[in-house]
C-alpha cells in the first residue's frame, strides 16, 4: 500500500493541521483513506465521544468514509492512548490499531498520537505501528530553538527501526526566533532526508515540494 504516516517529536506541534492541508490538496488526484486510529482527550457530546483531530482529517478528506472508520478508538481521558485505554478498561494493542488502518483504497494517510516514541497501545509505541504498517514517515517538528536536536532524535528513532523518512517538516507555531533562526538550512546539513518548512503564506510551494516527494517515494 502507498501512503505515509504523519508523526512528530512531540504532541501539539501541528500534525493535524498540516495533515489536513495535505489531504485537501491530494484528495482530488488520489483515491485516499485517512486514519487517526486512536484519539484521547475526546469530548463527551450527548453520550458520544467526539475526536476533534480525527474530525479535521475527516472533513479535509471530503467525508469519503465514516468518522468511526477514520477513528475507531476514542477515549475521554487526556493522556496517552495507552493510559486512556486503561482508564476506560479497554484493551488496545498495536494489532488493533493496525487493523483499524486497513483500507481498500489506493493511498493511506495515517496520523499518530503524540511523538514517535509516545505509548500508543498497551504493547507498543507510535514507532511500532509505523513499522507494522510499513509506511514511510513524515516527521513534524516545531520550528523553534532546539528544533534541530528534537528533529535529529526523532529521525534517529525512525532510522533505528529502518523506517523510511519521506521528509521532515518544520512547522512555525510561535513568533519567537522567527528572524534569528535558520533551522531549515541548519538541519539539512545534518540529515540526508528532505527538510521542508511549512508556511501558510507559501502553501502552494510547500504542497508542490511534497507532491514531488510522494511521486518519488
C-alpha atoms as a PDB file:
ATOM      1  CA  UNK A   1       0.000   0.000   0.000  1.00  0.00           C
ATOM      2  CA  UNK A   2       1.184   3.512  -0.790  1.00  0.00           C
ATOM      3  CA  UNK A   3       0.835   6.400   1.626  1.00  0.00           C
ATOM      4  CA  UNK A   4       2.580   7.845   4.650  1.00  0.00           C
ATOM      5  CA  UNK A   5       2.369   8.156   8.414  1.00  0.00           C
ATOM      6  CA  UNK A   6       2.440  11.624   9.995  1.00  0.00           C
ATOM      7  CA  UNK A   7       4.406  11.603  13.231  1.00  0.00           C
ATOM      8  CA  UNK A   8       6.387  14.121  15.254  1.00  0.00           C
ATOM      9  CA  UNK A   9       8.797  14.821  18.064  1.00  0.00           C
ATOM     10  CA  UNK A  10       6.007  15.763  20.483  1.00  0.00           C
ATOM     11  CA  UNK A  11       2.328  16.464  20.880  1.00  0.00           C
ATOM     12  CA  UNK A  12       0.929  19.856  19.935  1.00  0.00           C
ATOM     13  CA  UNK A  13       3.311  20.616  17.058  1.00  0.00           C
ATOM     14  CA  UNK A  14       0.708  20.826  14.285  1.00  0.00           C
ATOM     15  CA  UNK A  15       0.458  17.288  12.878  1.00  0.00           C
ATOM     16  CA  UNK A  16      -3.299  17.525  12.382  1.00  0.00           C
ATOM     17  CA  UNK A  17      -3.281  20.978  10.803  1.00  0.00           C
ATOM     18  CA  UNK A  18      -0.556  20.029   8.341  1.00  0.00           C
ATOM     19  CA  UNK A  19      -2.155  16.648   7.697  1.00  0.00           C
ATOM     20  CA  UNK A  20      -5.486  18.266   6.862  1.00  0.00           C
ATOM     21  CA  UNK A  21      -3.872  20.701   4.425  1.00  0.00           C
ATOM     22  CA  UNK A  22      -2.028  17.855   2.702  1.00  0.00           C
ATOM     23  CA  UNK A  23      -5.210  15.760   2.483  1.00  0.00           C
ATOM     24  CA  UNK A  24      -7.162  18.683   0.997  1.00  0.00           C
ATOM     25  CA  UNK A  25      -4.527  19.066  -1.715  1.00  0.00           C
ATOM     26  CA  UNK A  26      -4.324  15.358  -2.577  1.00  0.00           C
ATOM     27  CA  UNK A  27      -7.935  14.184  -2.420  1.00  0.00           C
ATOM     28  CA  UNK A  28      -8.832  15.353  -5.933  1.00  0.00           C
ATOM     29  CA  UNK A  29      -5.914  13.481  -7.508  1.00  0.00           C
ATOM     30  CA  UNK A  30      -5.631  10.374  -5.331  1.00  0.00           C
ATOM     31  CA  UNK A  31      -8.145   7.778  -4.111  1.00  0.00           C
ATOM     32  CA  UNK A  32      -7.175   8.036  -0.463  1.00  0.00           C
ATOM     33  CA  UNK A  33      -8.151   6.941   3.022  1.00  0.00           C
ATOM     34  CA  UNK A  34      -7.314   8.879   6.165  1.00  0.00           C
ATOM     35  CA  UNK A  35      -6.869   7.379   9.600  1.00  0.00           C
ATOM     36  CA  UNK A  36      -6.376   8.657  13.118  1.00  0.00           C
ATOM     37  CA  UNK A  37      -6.876   5.162  14.548  1.00  0.00           C
ATOM     38  CA  UNK A  38      -6.907   6.307  18.166  1.00  0.00           C
ATOM     39  CA  UNK A  39      -7.566   9.639  19.850  1.00  0.00           C
ATOM     40  CA  UNK A  40      -7.684  10.531  23.522  1.00  0.00           C
ATOM     41  CA  UNK A  41      -8.980  13.718  25.167  1.00  0.00           C
ATOM     42  CA  UNK A  42     -12.245  13.347  23.248  1.00  0.00           C
ATOM     43  CA  UNK A  43     -15.182  15.439  24.403  1.00  0.00           C
ATOM     44  CA  UNK A  44     -18.398  13.778  25.541  1.00  0.00           C
ATOM     45  CA  UNK A  45     -21.218  15.214  23.412  1.00  0.00           C
ATOM     46  CA  UNK A  46     -24.625  13.774  24.289  1.00  0.00           C
ATOM     47  CA  UNK A  47     -23.074  10.462  25.251  1.00  0.00           C
ATOM     48  CA  UNK A  48     -20.808  10.153  22.211  1.00  0.00           C
ATOM     49  CA  UNK A  49     -17.076  10.847  22.242  1.00  0.00           C
ATOM     50  CA  UNK A  50     -16.022  13.418  19.648  1.00  0.00           C
ATOM     51  CA  UNK A  51     -12.450  13.075  18.244  1.00  0.00           C
ATOM     52  CA  UNK A  52     -11.666  16.659  17.194  1.00  0.00           C
ATOM     53  CA  UNK A  53      -8.355  15.924  15.431  1.00  0.00           C
ATOM     54  CA  UNK A  54      -9.730  12.940  13.529  1.00  0.00           C
ATOM     55  CA  UNK A  55     -12.737  15.045  12.546  1.00  0.00           C
ATOM     56  CA  UNK A  56     -10.448  17.642  10.941  1.00  0.00           C
ATOM     57  CA  UNK A  57      -8.873  14.919   8.805  1.00  0.00           C
ATOM     58  CA  UNK A  58     -12.340  13.524   8.034  1.00  0.00           C
ATOM     59  CA  UNK A  59     -13.591  16.934   6.891  1.00  0.00           C
ATOM     60  CA  UNK A  60     -10.433  17.537   4.840  1.00  0.00           C
ATOM     61  CA  UNK A  61     -10.920  14.228   3.030  1.00  0.00           C
ATOM     62  CA  UNK A  62     -14.392  15.242   1.889  1.00  0.00           C
ATOM     63  CA  UNK A  63     -16.079  12.809   4.289  1.00  0.00           C
ATOM     64  CA  UNK A  64     -15.430   9.932   1.905  1.00  0.00           C
ATOM     65  CA  UNK A  65     -15.512   7.449   4.810  1.00  0.00           C
ATOM     66  CA  UNK A  66     -17.380   7.231   8.092  1.00  0.00           C
ATOM     67  CA  UNK A  67     -15.834   9.111  11.031  1.00  0.00           C
ATOM     68  CA  UNK A  68     -15.846   5.864  13.042  1.00  0.00           C
ATOM     69  CA  UNK A  69     -13.751   4.308  10.282  1.00  0.00           C
ATOM     70  CA  UNK A  70     -11.333   7.234  10.348  1.00  0.00           C
ATOM     71  CA  UNK A  71     -11.043   6.970  14.144  1.00  0.00           C
ATOM     72  CA  UNK A  72     -12.045   3.594  15.554  1.00  0.00           C
ATOM     73  CA  UNK A  73     -10.790   4.067  19.119  1.00  0.00           C
ATOM     74  CA  UNK A  74     -11.885   7.125  21.104  1.00  0.00           C
ATOM     75  CA  UNK A  75     -11.123   7.862  24.749  1.00  0.00           C
ATOM     76  CA  UNK A  76     -12.090  10.665  27.096  1.00  0.00           C
ATOM     77  CA  UNK A  77      -9.036  10.785  29.364  1.00  0.00           C
ATOM     78  CA  UNK A  78      -6.447  13.452  28.472  1.00  0.00           C
ATOM     79  CA  UNK A  79      -3.422  11.155  28.383  1.00  0.00           C
ATOM     80  CA  UNK A  80      -1.546   8.857  26.039  1.00  0.00           C
ATOM     81  CA  UNK A  81      -3.819   6.340  24.277  1.00  0.00           C
ATOM     82  CA  UNK A  82      -2.189   3.616  26.371  1.00  0.00           C
ATOM     83  CA  UNK A  83      -3.267   5.227  29.652  1.00  0.00           C
ATOM     84  CA  UNK A  84      -6.594   6.439  28.274  1.00  0.00           C
ATOM     85  CA  UNK A  85      -7.485   2.912  27.169  1.00  0.00           C
ATOM     86  CA  UNK A  86      -6.548   1.554  30.601  1.00  0.00           C
ATOM     87  CA  UNK A  87      -8.716   4.215  32.217  1.00  0.00           C
ATOM     88  CA  UNK A  88     -11.617   3.097  30.024  1.00  0.00           C
ATOM     89  CA  UNK A  89     -10.871  -0.539  30.900  1.00  0.00           C
ATOM     90  CA  UNK A  90     -10.338  -1.306  27.229  1.00  0.00           C
ATOM     91  CA  UNK A  91      -7.667  -3.493  25.654  1.00  0.00           C
ATOM     92  CA  UNK A  92      -5.769  -1.654  22.916  1.00  0.00           C
ATOM     93  CA  UNK A  93      -2.925  -3.322  21.027  1.00  0.00           C
ATOM     94  CA  UNK A  94      -0.747  -2.455  18.056  1.00  0.00           C
ATOM     95  CA  UNK A  95      -2.599  -5.170  16.132  1.00  0.00           C
ATOM     96  CA  UNK A  96      -5.916  -3.436  16.920  1.00  0.00           C
ATOM     97  CA  UNK A  97      -4.566  -0.168  15.521  1.00  0.00           C
ATOM     98  CA  UNK A  98      -3.046  -1.919  12.517  1.00  0.00           C
ATOM     99  CA  UNK A  99      -6.426  -3.454  11.684  1.00  0.00           C
ATOM    100  CA  UNK A 100      -8.138  -0.073  12.159  1.00  0.00           C
ATOM    101  CA  UNK A 101      -5.879   1.371   9.448  1.00  0.00           C
ATOM    102  CA  UNK A 102      -6.785  -1.158   6.772  1.00  0.00           C
ATOM    103  CA  UNK A 103      -8.476   0.142   3.616  1.00  0.00           C
ATOM    104  CA  UNK A 104      -9.335  -0.916   0.095  1.00  0.00           C
ATOM    105  CA  UNK A 105      -8.307   2.461  -1.309  1.00  0.00           C
ATOM    106  CA  UNK A 106      -5.000   3.001  -3.099  1.00  0.00           C
ATOM    107  CA  UNK A 107      -3.428   5.523  -0.745  1.00  0.00           C
ATOM    108  CA  UNK A 108      -3.408   5.745   3.055  1.00  0.00           C
ATOM    109  CA  UNK A 109      -2.595   8.721   5.259  1.00  0.00           C
ATOM    110  CA  UNK A 110      -2.300   7.948   8.966  1.00  0.00           C
ATOM    111  CA  UNK A 111      -1.758  10.368  11.832  1.00  0.00           C
ATOM    112  CA  UNK A 112      -0.279   9.067  15.061  1.00  0.00           C
ATOM    113  CA  UNK A 113      -0.871  10.240  18.613  1.00  0.00           C
ATOM    114  CA  UNK A 114       1.899  12.260  20.244  1.00  0.00           C
ATOM    115  CA  UNK A 115       5.562  11.856  19.366  1.00  0.00           C
ATOM    116  CA  UNK A 116       7.175   8.932  17.603  1.00  0.00           C
ATOM    117  CA  UNK A 117       8.117   7.233  20.897  1.00  0.00           C
ATOM    118  CA  UNK A 118       4.847   8.036  22.689  1.00  0.00           C
ATOM    119  CA  UNK A 119       2.928   4.992  24.000  1.00  0.00           C
ATOM    120  CA  UNK A 120       0.025   4.404  21.611  1.00  0.00           C
ATOM    121  CA  UNK A 121      -1.096   0.960  22.816  1.00  0.00           C
ATOM    122  CA  UNK A 122      -0.548  -1.390  25.729  1.00  0.00           C
ATOM    123  CA  UNK A 123       2.160  -3.225  23.820  1.00  0.00           C
ATOM    124  CA  UNK A 124       3.869  -0.517  21.831  1.00  0.00           C
ATOM    125  CA  UNK A 125       4.729   2.985  20.705  1.00  0.00           C
ATOM    126  CA  UNK A 126       3.896   5.024  17.608  1.00  0.00           C
ATOM    127  CA  UNK A 127       7.104   3.764  16.019  1.00  0.00           C
ATOM    128  CA  UNK A 128       5.854   0.183  16.387  1.00  0.00           C
ATOM    129  CA  UNK A 129       2.661   0.983  14.500  1.00  0.00           C
ATOM    130  CA  UNK A 130       4.578   2.787  11.740  1.00  0.00           C
ATOM    131  CA  UNK A 131       6.872  -0.200  11.375  1.00  0.00           C
ATOM    132  CA  UNK A 132       3.986  -2.681  11.250  1.00  0.00           C
ATOM    133  CA  UNK A 133       2.141  -0.642   8.626  1.00  0.00           C
ATOM    134  CA  UNK A 134       5.299  -0.381   6.536  1.00  0.00           C
ATOM    135  CA  UNK A 135       4.596   3.236   5.597  1.00  0.00           C
ATOM    136  CA  UNK A 136       7.193   5.987   5.177  1.00  0.00           C
ATOM    137  CA  UNK A 137       7.074   8.714   7.803  1.00  0.00           C
ATOM    138  CA  UNK A 138       6.583  12.442   7.596  1.00  0.00           C
ATOM    139  CA  UNK A 139       8.068  13.999  10.734  1.00  0.00           C
ATOM    140  CA  UNK A 140       6.644  17.292  12.007  1.00  0.00           C
ATOM    141  CA  UNK A 141       8.772  19.385  14.374  1.00  0.00           C
ATOM    142  CA  UNK A 142       8.022  22.794  15.860  1.00  0.00           C
ATOM    143  CA  UNK A 143      10.354  25.338  14.230  1.00  0.00           C
ATOM    144  CA  UNK A 144      11.851  26.818  17.390  1.00  0.00           C
ATOM    145  CA  UNK A 145      15.066  26.953  19.381  1.00  0.00           C
ATOM    146  CA  UNK A 146      16.053  23.323  19.952  1.00  0.00           C
ATOM    147  CA  UNK A 147      14.303  22.060  16.810  1.00  0.00           C
ATOM    148  CA  UNK A 148      17.471  20.572  15.338  1.00  0.00           C
ATOM    149  CA  UNK A 149      18.099  18.416  18.388  1.00  0.00           C
ATOM    150  CA  UNK A 150      14.453  17.314  18.510  1.00  0.00           C
ATOM    151  CA  UNK A 151      14.365  16.557  14.791  1.00  0.00           C
ATOM    152  CA  UNK A 152      17.570  14.524  14.853  1.00  0.00           C
ATOM    153  CA  UNK A 153      16.401  12.498  17.864  1.00  0.00           C
ATOM    154  CA  UNK A 154      13.141  11.705  16.071  1.00  0.00           C
ATOM    155  CA  UNK A 155      14.939  10.848  12.834  1.00  0.00           C
ATOM    156  CA  UNK A 156      17.271   8.548  14.773  1.00  0.00           C
ATOM    157  CA  UNK A 157      14.314   6.754  16.391  1.00  0.00           C
ATOM    158  CA  UNK A 158      12.807   6.100  12.954  1.00  0.00           C
ATOM    159  CA  UNK A 159      16.084   5.038  11.366  1.00  0.00           C
ATOM    160  CA  UNK A 160      16.775   2.549  14.152  1.00  0.00           C
ATOM    161  CA  UNK A 161      13.592   0.754  13.103  1.00  0.00           C
ATOM    162  CA  UNK A 162      14.508   1.076   9.394  1.00  0.00           C
ATOM    163  CA  UNK A 163      11.511   3.282   8.723  1.00  0.00           C
ATOM    164  CA  UNK A 164      11.763   5.271   5.506  1.00  0.00           C
ATOM    165  CA  UNK A 165      11.550   9.003   6.116  1.00  0.00           C
ATOM    166  CA  UNK A 166       9.794  10.941   3.369  1.00  0.00           C
ATOM    167  CA  UNK A 167      10.678  14.330   4.838  1.00  0.00           C
ATOM    168  CA  UNK A 168      10.935  16.475   7.953  1.00  0.00           C
ATOM    169  CA  UNK A 169       8.537  19.417   8.150  1.00  0.00           C
ATOM    170  CA  UNK A 170       9.409  22.407  10.297  1.00  0.00           C
ATOM    171  CA  UNK A 171       6.162  23.992  11.459  1.00  0.00           C
ATOM    172  CA  UNK A 172       6.402  27.569  12.689  1.00  0.00           C
ATOM    173  CA  UNK A 173       3.954  27.884  15.598  1.00  0.00           C
ATOM    174  CA  UNK A 174       5.345  30.793  17.609  1.00  0.00           C
ATOM    175  CA  UNK A 175       6.894  34.105  16.630  1.00  0.00           C
ATOM    176  CA  UNK A 176       9.917  33.674  18.898  1.00  0.00           C
ATOM    177  CA  UNK A 177      13.136  33.426  16.915  1.00  0.00           C
ATOM    178  CA  UNK A 178      11.444  33.866  13.553  1.00  0.00           C
ATOM    179  CA  UNK A 179      14.102  36.232  12.218  1.00  0.00           C
ATOM    180  CA  UNK A 180      17.163  34.855  14.006  1.00  0.00           C
ATOM    181  CA  UNK A 181      16.803  31.097  13.482  1.00  0.00           C
ATOM    182  CA  UNK A 182      17.518  29.285  10.235  1.00  0.00           C
ATOM    183  CA  UNK A 183      16.633  25.761  11.305  1.00  0.00           C
ATOM    184  CA  UNK A 184      15.833  24.521   7.812  1.00  0.00           C
ATOM    185  CA  UNK A 185      19.313  25.024   6.354  1.00  0.00           C
ATOM    186  CA  UNK A 186      20.988  24.080   9.643  1.00  0.00           C
ATOM    187  CA  UNK A 187      19.055  20.823   9.950  1.00  0.00           C
ATOM    188  CA  UNK A 188      19.649  19.930   6.300  1.00  0.00           C
ATOM    189  CA  UNK A 189      23.389  19.896   6.985  1.00  0.00           C
ATOM    190  CA  UNK A 190      22.906  17.069   9.487  1.00  0.00           C
ATOM    191  CA  UNK A 191      20.464  14.814   7.663  1.00  0.00           C
ATOM    192  CA  UNK A 192      20.133  13.282   4.196  1.00  0.00           C
ATOM    193  CA  UNK A 193      16.332  13.488   4.393  1.00  0.00           C
ATOM    194  CA  UNK A 194      14.487  16.405   2.731  1.00  0.00           C
ATOM    195  CA  UNK A 195      13.624  19.248   5.098  1.00  0.00           C
ATOM    196  CA  UNK A 196      10.584  21.379   4.267  1.00  0.00           C
ATOM    197  CA  UNK A 197       9.282  24.463   6.013  1.00  0.00           C
ATOM    198  CA  UNK A 198       5.528  24.824   6.432  1.00  0.00           C
ATOM    199  CA  UNK A 199       4.259  28.330   5.829  1.00  0.00           C
ATOM    200  CA  UNK A 200       0.596  29.246   5.273  1.00  0.00           C
ATOM    201  CA  UNK A 201       1.702  32.127   3.033  1.00  0.00           C
ATOM    202  CA  UNK A 202       3.617  29.745   0.786  1.00  0.00           C
ATOM    203  CA  UNK A 203       1.268  26.765   0.906  1.00  0.00           C
ATOM    204  CA  UNK A 204       1.281  26.111  -2.850  1.00  0.00           C
ATOM    205  CA  UNK A 205       5.068  25.892  -2.917  1.00  0.00           C
ATOM    206  CA  UNK A 206       5.037  23.589   0.106  1.00  0.00           C
ATOM    207  CA  UNK A 207       2.424  21.272  -1.424  1.00  0.00           C
ATOM    208  CA  UNK A 208       4.317  21.237  -4.721  1.00  0.00           C
ATOM    209  CA  UNK A 209       7.500  20.086  -2.993  1.00  0.00           C
ATOM    210  CA  UNK A 210       5.603  17.456  -1.051  1.00  0.00           C
ATOM    211  CA  UNK A 211       3.868  16.059  -4.138  1.00  0.00           C
ATOM    212  CA  UNK A 212       7.262  15.567  -5.789  1.00  0.00           C
ATOM    213  CA  UNK A 213       8.439  13.583  -2.758  1.00  0.00           C
ATOM    214  CA  UNK A 214       5.260  11.465  -2.819  1.00  0.00           C
ATOM    215  CA  UNK A 215       5.674  10.717  -6.525  1.00  0.00           C
ATOM    216  CA  UNK A 216       9.286   9.692  -5.947  1.00  0.00           C
ATOM    217  CA  UNK A 217       8.577   7.517  -2.909  1.00  0.00           C
END
